[in-house]
N, C-alpha and C. Protein backbone atom coordinates (compact mmCIF):
# COMPACT_ATOMS: atom_id res chain seq x y z
N UNK A 1 10.52 9.10 10.91
CA UNK A 1 10.11 9.67 9.76
C UNK A 1 10.02 8.64 8.53
N UNK A 2 8.89 8.53 7.72
CA UNK A 2 8.73 7.93 6.55
C UNK A 2 9.25 8.84 5.71
N UNK A 3 10.79 8.26 5.17
CA UNK A 3 11.33 8.53 3.48
C UNK A 3 11.64 7.55 2.67
N UNK A 4 12.05 8.36 1.59
CA UNK A 4 12.69 7.64 0.66
C UNK A 4 13.41 8.22 -0.39
N UNK A 5 14.63 7.32 -0.81
CA UNK A 5 15.33 8.33 -1.79
C UNK A 5 14.81 8.49 -3.42
N UNK A 6 14.76 9.72 -4.26
CA UNK A 6 14.32 9.66 -5.47
C UNK A 6 14.84 10.14 -6.09
N UNK A 7 14.42 10.57 -7.33
CA UNK A 7 14.59 11.80 -8.17
C UNK A 7 13.94 12.78 -8.41
N UNK A 8 13.80 13.95 -8.45
CA UNK A 8 12.53 14.55 -9.06
C UNK A 8 12.96 15.10 -10.30
N UNK A 9 11.96 15.17 -10.62
CA UNK A 9 11.68 15.73 -12.35
C UNK A 9 11.71 17.17 -12.15
N UNK A 10 11.56 17.32 -13.49
CA UNK A 10 12.03 18.98 -13.77
C UNK A 10 10.02 19.84 -14.28
N UNK A 11 10.00 20.99 -13.92
CA UNK A 11 8.35 21.20 -13.82
C UNK A 11 7.87 21.13 -15.28
N UNK A 12 9.30 21.08 -16.29
CA UNK A 12 8.68 20.82 -17.90
C UNK A 12 8.62 19.67 -17.92
N UNK A 13 9.50 18.12 -17.29
CA UNK A 13 8.39 17.40 -17.59
C UNK A 13 6.97 16.79 -16.54
N UNK A 14 7.06 17.48 -15.68
CA UNK A 14 5.83 17.04 -15.19
C UNK A 14 4.70 17.45 -15.74
N UNK A 15 4.89 18.58 -16.33
CA UNK A 15 3.85 19.89 -17.31
C UNK A 15 3.75 18.84 -18.50
N UNK A 16 4.89 18.13 -19.23
CA UNK A 16 4.46 17.03 -19.91
C UNK A 16 3.75 15.71 -19.71
N UNK A 17 3.64 15.27 -18.82
CA UNK A 17 3.21 14.27 -17.97
C UNK A 17 1.63 14.74 -17.82
N UNK A 18 1.39 15.83 -17.18
CA UNK A 18 0.02 16.17 -17.55
C UNK A 18 -0.32 16.56 -18.27
N UNK A 19 -0.07 16.73 -19.56
CA UNK A 19 -0.55 16.78 -20.61
C UNK A 19 -1.05 15.48 -21.08
N UNK A 20 -0.47 13.83 -20.80
CA UNK A 20 -1.15 12.78 -20.84
C UNK A 20 -1.79 12.74 -20.17
N UNK A 21 -1.84 12.71 -18.45
CA UNK A 21 -2.93 12.03 -17.78
C UNK A 21 -4.23 12.71 -17.45
N UNK A 22 -3.80 14.51 -18.37
CA UNK A 22 -5.27 15.17 -18.30
C UNK A 22 -5.73 13.73 -19.38
N UNK A 23 -5.92 13.35 -20.60
CA UNK A 23 -6.61 12.84 -21.54
C UNK A 23 -6.84 11.36 -21.06
N UNK A 24 -6.07 11.19 -20.30
CA UNK A 24 -6.84 9.88 -19.32
C UNK A 24 -7.49 9.93 -17.75
N UNK A 25 -7.43 11.00 -17.11
CA UNK A 25 -8.29 10.94 -16.16
C UNK A 25 -9.81 10.91 -15.96
N UNK A 26 -10.12 11.83 -17.27
CA UNK A 26 -11.41 11.63 -18.18
C UNK A 26 -12.49 10.21 -17.83
N UNK A 27 -11.60 9.02 -18.29
CA UNK A 27 -11.89 7.53 -18.79
C UNK A 27 -12.68 7.51 -16.95
N UNK A 28 -13.15 6.47 -17.54
CA UNK A 28 -14.45 6.43 -16.33
C UNK A 28 -13.94 4.84 -15.51
N UNK A 29 -12.60 5.44 -15.53
CA UNK A 29 -12.27 4.39 -13.83
C UNK A 29 -11.76 4.81 -13.08
N UNK A 30 -11.67 3.29 -12.38
CA UNK A 30 -11.77 4.28 -10.10
C UNK A 30 -9.92 3.60 -10.40
N UNK A 31 -9.71 5.49 -10.20
CA UNK A 31 -8.09 5.05 -10.00
C UNK A 31 -7.62 6.20 -8.99
N UNK A 32 -6.75 6.07 -8.75
CA UNK A 32 -6.13 7.39 -7.44
C UNK A 32 -4.94 8.04 -8.84
N UNK A 33 -4.99 9.06 -8.56
CA UNK A 33 -3.99 9.90 -10.16
C UNK A 33 -3.01 10.53 -9.10
N UNK A 34 -1.88 9.94 -9.51
CA UNK A 34 -1.02 10.90 -8.24
C UNK A 34 -0.76 12.13 -8.25
N UNK A 35 -1.02 13.14 -7.72
CA UNK A 35 -0.73 14.86 -7.70
C UNK A 35 0.69 15.35 -9.06
N UNK A 36 0.43 15.85 -9.67
CA UNK A 36 1.41 16.61 -10.47
C UNK A 36 2.75 17.28 -9.61
N UNK A 37 2.38 17.25 -8.47
CA UNK A 37 3.56 17.50 -7.97
C UNK A 37 4.38 16.32 -7.46
N UNK A 38 3.87 15.98 -7.32
CA UNK A 38 4.50 14.33 -6.16
C UNK A 38 5.08 13.64 -7.64
N UNK A 39 5.24 13.71 -8.90
CA UNK A 39 5.65 12.79 -9.59
C UNK A 39 7.61 12.95 -9.56
N UNK A 40 7.83 11.32 -9.01
CA UNK A 40 9.03 11.32 -9.31
C UNK A 40 9.78 9.94 -9.29
N UNK A 41 11.08 9.56 -9.51
CA UNK A 41 11.31 8.16 -9.57
C UNK A 41 12.03 8.09 -8.03
N UNK A 42 11.31 7.08 -7.66
CA UNK A 42 11.75 6.84 -6.20
C UNK A 42 13.23 5.75 -7.17
N UNK A 43 14.49 5.66 -6.23
CA UNK A 43 15.34 4.74 -6.34
C UNK A 43 15.45 3.82 -4.76
N UNK A 44 14.82 4.14 -3.70
CA UNK A 44 15.18 3.23 -2.67
C UNK A 44 14.17 3.79 -1.48
N UNK A 45 13.16 3.04 -1.62
CA UNK A 45 11.89 3.65 -0.10
C UNK A 45 13.12 3.09 0.46
N UNK A 46 12.88 3.96 1.95
CA UNK A 46 13.48 3.59 3.42
C UNK A 46 12.35 3.39 4.57
N UNK A 47 11.25 3.52 4.56
CA UNK A 47 10.72 3.53 5.14
C UNK A 47 10.43 4.28 6.62
N UNK A 48 10.11 4.06 7.85
CA UNK A 48 10.47 5.38 8.68
C UNK A 48 11.63 4.77 9.03
N UNK A 49 12.60 6.24 9.34
CA UNK A 49 14.41 6.16 9.75
C UNK A 49 14.06 7.17 11.19
N UNK A 50 15.17 7.04 11.91
CA UNK A 50 15.52 7.57 12.98
C UNK A 50 16.36 8.58 11.87
N UNK A 51 17.17 9.62 13.48
CA UNK A 51 17.82 10.65 12.94
C UNK A 51 18.95 10.39 12.81
N UNK A 52 19.29 9.30 13.63
CA UNK A 52 20.81 8.08 13.12
C UNK A 52 21.02 7.84 11.87
N UNK A 53 19.91 7.12 11.04
CA UNK A 53 19.94 6.34 9.54
C UNK A 53 19.76 7.76 9.20
N UNK A 54 19.25 8.97 9.26
CA UNK A 54 18.88 10.23 8.87
C UNK A 54 20.15 10.30 8.14
N UNK A 55 20.95 10.89 9.18
CA UNK A 55 22.34 10.91 8.64
C UNK A 55 22.62 10.24 8.37
N UNK A 56 22.99 9.36 8.40
CA UNK A 56 23.83 8.04 7.35
C UNK A 56 23.13 8.87 6.31
N UNK A 57 22.35 8.19 5.77
CA UNK A 57 21.39 8.30 4.33
C UNK A 57 21.85 9.84 3.57
N UNK A 58 21.67 10.79 4.58
CA UNK A 58 23.11 11.91 3.92
C UNK A 58 24.08 11.46 3.05
N UNK A 59 24.51 11.26 4.50
CA UNK A 59 26.28 11.08 3.72
C UNK A 59 26.23 9.84 2.64
N UNK A 60 25.83 8.82 2.35
CA UNK A 60 25.59 7.86 1.90
C UNK A 60 25.52 8.57 0.04
N UNK A 61 24.05 9.36 -0.02
CA UNK A 61 23.72 10.06 -0.99
C UNK A 61 24.78 11.11 -1.43
N UNK A 62 25.42 11.77 -0.49
CA UNK A 62 26.39 12.72 -1.06
C UNK A 62 27.49 12.43 -1.63
N UNK A 63 28.40 11.10 -0.91
CA UNK A 63 29.17 9.99 -1.75
C UNK A 63 28.94 9.36 -3.05
N UNK A 64 27.76 9.29 -2.96
CA UNK A 64 27.18 8.32 -4.24
C UNK A 64 27.02 9.25 -5.81
N UNK A 65 26.35 10.77 -4.86
CA UNK A 65 25.84 11.83 -6.06
C UNK A 65 27.88 12.49 -6.53
N UNK A 66 28.79 12.07 -6.06
CA UNK A 66 29.74 13.00 -6.41
C UNK A 66 30.49 11.82 -7.72
N UNK A 67 30.18 10.34 -7.70
CA UNK A 67 30.53 9.52 -8.65
C UNK A 67 29.84 9.79 -9.93
N UNK A 68 28.58 9.97 -10.03
CA UNK A 68 27.99 9.93 -11.45
C UNK A 68 28.05 11.33 -11.66
N UNK A 69 28.01 11.43 -13.35
CA UNK A 69 27.70 12.67 -14.16
C UNK A 69 26.14 12.92 -14.27
N UNK A 70 25.42 13.91 -13.96
CA UNK A 70 24.09 14.03 -14.85
C UNK A 70 23.91 13.70 -15.91
N UNK A 71 22.76 12.66 -16.56
CA UNK A 71 22.44 12.31 -17.29
C UNK A 71 20.75 12.38 -17.72
N UNK A 72 20.97 11.76 -18.69
CA UNK A 72 19.29 12.02 -19.52
C UNK A 72 18.68 10.77 -19.94
N UNK A 73 17.04 10.95 -19.60
CA UNK A 73 16.15 10.18 -19.71
C UNK A 73 15.03 10.82 -20.85
N UNK A 74 14.64 9.62 -21.57
CA UNK A 74 13.48 9.74 -22.28
C UNK A 74 12.50 9.50 -21.73
N UNK A 75 11.29 10.39 -21.92
CA UNK A 75 9.73 9.37 -21.36
C UNK A 75 9.45 8.63 -22.99
N UNK A 76 9.18 6.80 -22.83
CA UNK A 76 9.58 5.59 -23.23
C UNK A 76 7.76 4.91 -23.41
N UNK A 77 7.09 4.70 -22.20
CA UNK A 77 6.06 3.90 -23.19
C UNK A 77 5.29 3.54 -21.62
N UNK A 78 3.86 3.33 -21.58
CA UNK A 78 2.93 3.40 -19.93
C UNK A 78 2.98 1.02 -20.06
N UNK A 79 2.71 1.38 -19.02
CA UNK A 79 3.01 0.04 -18.77
C UNK A 79 1.66 0.14 -17.65
N UNK A 80 1.83 -1.23 -16.85
CA UNK A 80 0.91 -1.35 -15.66
C UNK A 80 2.32 -2.85 -14.51
N UNK A 81 1.96 -2.16 -13.11
CA UNK A 81 2.15 -3.43 -12.69
C UNK A 81 0.80 -3.80 -11.59
N UNK A 82 1.22 -5.54 -11.48
CA UNK A 82 2.30 -6.01 -12.09
C UNK A 82 2.19 -6.54 -13.05
N UNK A 83 0.80 -6.11 -13.57
CA UNK A 83 0.57 -6.83 -15.23
C UNK A 83 -0.60 -6.28 -15.98
N UNK A 84 -0.55 -6.31 -17.62
CA UNK A 84 -1.91 -5.39 -17.92
C UNK A 84 -3.42 -6.22 -17.39
N UNK A 85 -2.61 -7.44 -16.95
CA UNK A 85 -4.41 -8.44 -16.82
C UNK A 85 -5.29 -7.78 -15.75
N UNK A 86 -4.25 -7.89 -14.07
CA UNK A 86 -4.57 -7.34 -13.33
C UNK A 86 -4.15 -6.05 -12.19
N UNK A 87 -4.18 -5.28 -13.13
CA UNK A 87 -3.22 -3.69 -13.07
C UNK A 87 -3.99 -3.05 -11.33
N UNK A 88 -2.18 -2.67 -10.70
CA UNK A 88 -2.68 -1.96 -9.90
C UNK A 88 -1.93 -0.59 -10.03
N UNK A 89 -0.79 -0.94 -10.31
CA UNK A 89 -0.40 0.67 -11.13
C UNK A 89 -0.48 1.10 -12.36
N UNK A 90 -0.23 2.05 -12.51
CA UNK A 90 -0.55 2.16 -13.99
C UNK A 90 1.21 3.14 -13.60
N UNK A 91 2.07 3.47 -14.72
CA UNK A 91 3.24 4.40 -14.66
C UNK A 91 3.75 4.23 -16.12
N UNK A 92 4.86 5.13 -17.06
CA UNK A 92 5.26 5.52 -17.26
C UNK A 92 6.74 5.26 -17.35
N UNK A 93 7.26 4.62 -17.99
CA UNK A 93 8.90 4.41 -18.38
C UNK A 93 9.67 4.82 -18.69
N UNK A 94 10.48 4.82 -19.19
CA UNK A 94 11.91 5.24 -19.96
C UNK A 94 13.27 5.05 -20.15
N UNK A 95 14.02 5.33 -20.85
CA UNK A 95 14.71 4.61 -21.48
C UNK A 95 16.04 6.00 -21.63
N UNK A 96 17.38 6.08 -21.97
CA UNK A 96 18.30 4.37 -21.27
C UNK A 96 18.13 4.38 -20.51
N UNK A 97 18.10 3.58 -19.59
CA UNK A 97 18.37 3.09 -17.76
C UNK A 97 19.30 3.15 -17.52
N UNK A 98 20.60 2.39 -18.52
CA UNK A 98 21.60 1.68 -17.89
C UNK A 98 22.66 2.80 -16.36
N UNK A 99 22.29 4.25 -16.74
CA UNK A 99 23.03 4.83 -15.48
C UNK A 99 21.97 4.94 -14.69
N UNK A 100 20.39 4.70 -14.86
CA UNK A 100 19.86 5.29 -13.33
C UNK A 100 20.10 3.60 -12.87
N UNK A 101 19.74 3.10 -13.51
CA UNK A 101 20.28 1.10 -12.91
C UNK A 101 21.56 0.92 -12.39
N UNK A 102 22.38 1.72 -12.63
CA UNK A 102 23.80 1.65 -12.00
C UNK A 102 23.88 2.47 -10.91
N UNK A 103 23.07 3.47 -10.87
CA UNK A 103 23.32 4.40 -9.47
C UNK A 103 22.31 4.19 -8.84
N UNK A 104 21.06 3.43 -9.63
CA UNK A 104 19.91 2.76 -7.84
C UNK A 104 21.37 1.61 -7.01
N UNK A 105 21.74 0.84 -8.10
CA UNK A 105 22.28 -0.46 -7.19
C UNK A 105 23.87 0.02 -6.28
N UNK A 106 24.08 0.99 -6.57
CA UNK A 106 25.59 1.80 -5.92
C UNK A 106 25.02 2.21 -4.44
N UNK A 107 23.68 3.02 -4.91
CA UNK A 107 22.89 3.01 -3.77
C UNK A 107 22.58 1.95 -2.40
N UNK A 108 21.50 0.87 -3.81
CA UNK A 108 21.44 -0.26 -2.78
C UNK A 108 22.21 -0.78 -1.58
N UNK A 109 23.54 -1.14 -2.41
CA UNK A 109 24.68 -1.70 -2.13
C UNK A 109 25.32 -1.31 -0.82
N UNK A 110 25.29 0.07 -0.86
CA UNK A 110 26.01 0.95 0.15
C UNK A 110 24.80 1.08 1.49
N UNK A 111 23.82 1.33 1.03
CA UNK A 111 22.75 1.46 2.37
C UNK A 111 22.55 0.26 2.49
N UNK A 112 22.27 -1.08 1.86
CA UNK A 112 23.10 -2.94 2.05
C UNK A 112 23.81 -2.71 3.54
N UNK A 113 25.02 -2.21 3.32
CA UNK A 113 25.87 -2.30 4.52
C UNK A 113 26.01 -1.72 5.46
N UNK A 114 24.88 -0.47 5.71
CA UNK A 114 24.60 0.10 7.19
C UNK A 114 23.07 -0.49 7.12
N UNK A 115 22.42 -1.49 6.87
CA UNK A 115 21.43 -1.93 7.11
C UNK A 115 19.88 -1.83 6.96
N UNK A 116 20.03 -1.12 5.86
CA UNK A 116 18.95 -1.38 4.78
C UNK A 116 18.30 -2.28 3.77
N UNK A 117 17.04 -3.21 4.44
CA UNK A 117 17.26 -4.41 3.42
C UNK A 117 17.20 -3.87 2.09
N UNK A 118 17.72 -5.27 1.53
CA UNK A 118 17.49 -5.39 -0.07
C UNK A 118 16.00 -5.37 -0.79
N UNK A 119 15.64 -4.66 -1.67
CA UNK A 119 14.55 -4.69 -2.09
C UNK A 119 14.03 -5.30 -3.10
N UNK A 120 13.43 -5.54 -3.82
CA UNK A 120 13.22 -6.21 -4.95
C UNK A 120 13.90 -5.60 -5.95
N UNK A 121 14.15 -6.33 -7.12
CA UNK A 121 14.64 -5.45 -8.15
C UNK A 121 14.36 -4.16 -8.71
N UNK A 122 14.95 -2.91 -9.15
CA UNK A 122 14.57 -1.77 -9.90
C UNK A 122 13.95 -2.35 -11.05
N UNK A 123 12.99 -0.87 -10.72
CA UNK A 123 12.16 -1.58 -12.24
C UNK A 123 12.07 0.26 -12.46
N UNK A 124 12.78 0.62 -13.22
CA UNK A 124 12.35 2.51 -13.17
C UNK A 124 11.18 2.72 -13.84
N UNK A 125 10.36 2.99 -13.26
CA UNK A 125 9.17 4.14 -13.46
C UNK A 125 8.98 5.08 -12.40
N UNK A 126 7.72 5.89 -13.61
CA UNK A 126 6.86 6.83 -12.69
C UNK A 126 5.92 6.54 -13.03
N UNK A 127 5.13 6.36 -11.31
CA UNK A 127 3.86 6.06 -11.37
C UNK A 127 2.88 7.42 -11.50
N UNK A 128 1.96 6.70 -12.09
CA UNK A 128 0.76 7.70 -12.69
C UNK A 128 -0.63 7.60 -12.10
N UNK A 129 -0.43 6.64 -11.92
CA UNK A 129 -1.73 6.31 -10.85
C UNK A 129 -1.87 5.14 -9.97
N UNK A 130 -3.27 4.59 -9.36
CA UNK A 130 -3.24 3.43 -8.57
C UNK A 130 -4.75 3.18 -9.03
N UNK A 131 -4.54 2.03 -9.63
CA UNK A 131 -5.72 1.27 -10.00
C UNK A 131 -6.71 1.02 -9.13
N UNK A 132 -8.10 1.37 -9.50
CA UNK A 132 -8.95 0.45 -7.56
C UNK A 132 -9.82 -0.51 -8.00
N UNK A 133 -10.38 -0.36 -9.44
CA UNK A 133 -10.76 -1.62 -9.34
C UNK A 133 -10.41 -1.91 -11.24
N UNK A 134 -10.69 -3.17 -11.68
CA UNK A 134 -11.18 -3.35 -12.95
C UNK A 134 -12.15 -2.70 -13.98
N UNK A 135 -12.73 -2.06 -13.42
CA UNK A 135 -13.99 -1.94 -14.15
C UNK A 135 -13.72 -0.77 -15.43
N UNK A 136 -13.86 -1.28 -16.47
CA UNK A 136 -13.61 -0.14 -17.89
C UNK A 136 -11.74 -0.29 -18.00
N UNK A 137 -10.77 -1.16 -17.56
CA UNK A 137 -9.93 -0.76 -17.76
C UNK A 137 -9.40 -0.86 -19.35
N UNK A 138 -10.18 -1.44 -19.81
CA UNK A 138 -9.50 -2.12 -21.23
C UNK A 138 -9.67 -0.43 -21.80
N UNK A 139 -10.65 0.09 -21.46
CA UNK A 139 -10.62 2.21 -22.14
C UNK A 139 -9.19 2.36 -21.76
N UNK A 140 -8.82 1.98 -20.64
CA UNK A 140 -7.33 2.50 -20.28
C UNK A 140 -6.58 2.20 -21.39
N UNK A 141 -6.50 0.83 -21.33
CA UNK A 141 -5.70 -0.02 -22.24
C UNK A 141 -5.72 0.72 -23.59
N UNK A 142 -6.25 0.86 -23.97
CA UNK A 142 -6.68 1.00 -25.68
C UNK A 142 -6.38 2.61 -26.04
N UNK A 143 -6.72 3.53 -24.76
CA UNK A 143 -6.14 4.98 -25.07
C UNK A 143 -4.81 5.08 -24.80
N UNK A 144 -4.16 4.65 -24.38
CA UNK A 144 -2.51 4.81 -23.79
C UNK A 144 -1.71 4.04 -25.29
N UNK A 145 -2.51 3.32 -25.73
CA UNK A 145 -1.94 3.65 -27.18
C UNK A 145 -1.50 4.24 -28.51
N UNK A 146 -3.12 5.22 -27.79
CA UNK A 146 -3.35 6.07 -28.64
C UNK A 146 -2.70 7.29 -28.61
N UNK A 147 -1.64 7.07 -27.34
CA UNK A 147 -1.04 8.43 -26.89
C UNK A 147 0.60 8.45 -27.11
N UNK A 148 0.92 9.12 -27.17
CA UNK A 148 2.66 9.84 -26.94
C UNK A 148 2.70 10.73 -25.71
N UNK A 149 4.41 10.39 -25.11
CA UNK A 149 4.53 10.90 -23.81
C UNK A 149 6.35 11.33 -23.52
N UNK A 150 6.60 11.33 -25.50
CA UNK A 150 8.10 11.93 -25.52
C UNK A 150 8.16 13.47 -25.32
N UNK A 151 9.20 12.90 -23.90
CA UNK A 151 10.13 14.29 -23.31
C UNK A 151 11.51 13.56 -22.94
N UNK A 152 11.92 14.53 -23.34
CA UNK A 152 13.78 13.81 -22.20
C UNK A 152 12.98 14.96 -21.52
N UNK A 153 14.36 14.05 -20.50
CA UNK A 153 14.73 15.25 -19.33
C UNK A 153 16.15 14.47 -18.52
N UNK A 154 16.48 15.38 -18.29
CA UNK A 154 17.91 15.51 -17.26
C UNK A 154 18.30 14.92 -15.74
N UNK A 155 18.99 14.16 -15.49
CA UNK A 155 19.01 14.18 -14.13
C UNK A 155 19.64 14.73 -13.68
N UNK A 156 20.32 15.70 -12.37
CA UNK A 156 21.45 16.27 -11.80
C UNK A 156 22.00 15.95 -10.48
N UNK A 157 20.26 15.31 -9.87
CA UNK A 157 21.06 15.64 -8.79
C UNK A 157 20.20 14.14 -7.60
N UNK A 158 20.20 13.61 -6.76
CA UNK A 158 19.65 12.73 -5.72
C UNK A 158 18.65 13.55 -4.22
N UNK A 159 18.07 12.97 -4.31
CA UNK A 159 16.90 13.79 -3.35
C UNK A 159 16.58 12.47 -2.38
N UNK A 160 16.72 13.28 -1.18
CA UNK A 160 15.86 12.72 -0.03
C UNK A 160 14.83 12.92 0.34
N UNK A 161 13.80 12.32 0.31
CA UNK A 161 12.06 12.85 0.48
C UNK A 161 11.46 12.40 1.67
N UNK A 162 11.00 12.97 2.54
CA UNK A 162 10.21 13.11 3.51
C UNK A 162 8.61 12.53 2.91
N UNK A 163 8.08 11.68 3.28
CA UNK A 163 6.74 11.35 3.18
C UNK A 163 5.65 11.04 4.36
N UNK A 164 4.70 12.02 4.00
CA UNK A 164 3.54 12.23 4.86
C UNK A 164 2.51 11.86 4.93
N UNK A 165 1.49 11.02 5.11
CA UNK A 165 0.65 10.45 4.46
C UNK A 165 -0.24 11.49 5.63
N UNK A 166 -1.38 11.97 4.32
CA UNK A 166 -2.29 12.26 4.96
C UNK A 166 -4.08 11.96 3.82
N UNK A 167 -4.97 12.07 4.46
CA UNK A 167 -6.63 11.85 4.32
C UNK A 167 -6.40 12.11 2.74
N UNK A 168 -5.99 12.78 2.13
CA UNK A 168 -6.28 13.61 0.39
C UNK A 168 -4.70 13.27 0.22
N UNK A 169 -3.94 12.10 0.46
CA UNK A 169 -2.89 11.25 -0.30
C UNK A 169 -1.60 12.08 0.49
N UNK A 170 -0.41 11.51 0.18
CA UNK A 170 0.88 11.46 0.36
C UNK A 170 1.23 12.94 0.17
N UNK A 171 2.03 13.78 1.07
CA UNK A 171 3.08 15.06 0.69
C UNK A 171 4.19 14.02 0.72
N UNK A 172 4.85 15.09 -0.57
CA UNK A 172 6.50 14.57 -0.17
C UNK A 172 6.77 16.11 0.04
N UNK A 173 8.38 16.08 0.49
CA UNK A 173 8.90 17.23 0.34
C UNK A 173 10.40 16.66 1.11
N UNK A 174 11.36 17.52 -0.28
CA UNK A 174 12.83 17.10 -0.77
C UNK A 174 13.07 17.51 0.95
N UNK A 175 13.88 17.15 1.48
CA UNK A 175 14.69 17.17 2.90
C UNK A 175 15.86 17.38 2.79
N UNK A 176 16.41 16.31 1.10
CA UNK A 176 17.87 16.84 1.72
C UNK A 176 18.73 16.69 0.18
N UNK A 177 19.47 17.30 -1.06
CA UNK A 177 19.71 17.16 -1.96
C UNK A 177 20.56 17.04 -2.60
N UNK A 178 21.60 16.45 -3.66
CA UNK A 178 22.71 16.22 -2.90
C UNK A 178 23.40 16.18 -5.35
N UNK A 179 23.91 16.96 -5.56
CA UNK A 179 23.69 17.51 -7.43
C UNK A 179 25.30 16.36 -7.46
N UNK A 180 24.44 15.28 -8.89
CA UNK A 180 25.83 14.66 -9.43
C UNK A 180 26.99 15.75 -10.00
N UNK A 181 27.85 14.80 -9.94
CA UNK A 181 29.27 15.44 -10.63
C UNK A 181 29.09 16.30 -11.56
N UNK A 182 29.89 17.64 -11.77
CA UNK A 182 30.02 18.11 -13.29
C UNK A 182 31.05 17.83 -13.50
């Protein structure tokens, strides 16, 4: 099973992001926009895992979630990976990110101890689109300078998602969750 650990967003936050992306999707750029219901923050991509690994990951998530209090994030600014000159991913970032980074680091260390490889440096973001062509990309850059996506949202659980790839795009299904401590 293909899986990742992430943070689901509230419906209110997804709706706020949708208001913004609706204004951008009409631009004449070639991009694959992320389905609103798939918006999330990835903490750790696991790849294909077996049942034994699945059980181990659930235990790790449950253990780590009990060490962190719920926290709030604020949508902040738009950006591109790897950069704005050759964008492949269009995203929105948020602040403050210290608790989120600590949570990701704890998960990474614990998963590494049980055989999962270290990822590259955690760069917290929500992917909005995958850029397919640089044609007209300047229009997107100009438009996002005029937009604001200000919204606060609370993180109160860690989720394990199953990711199924289809012709129409990925389907994410939450298969396990653990609430942060109260």
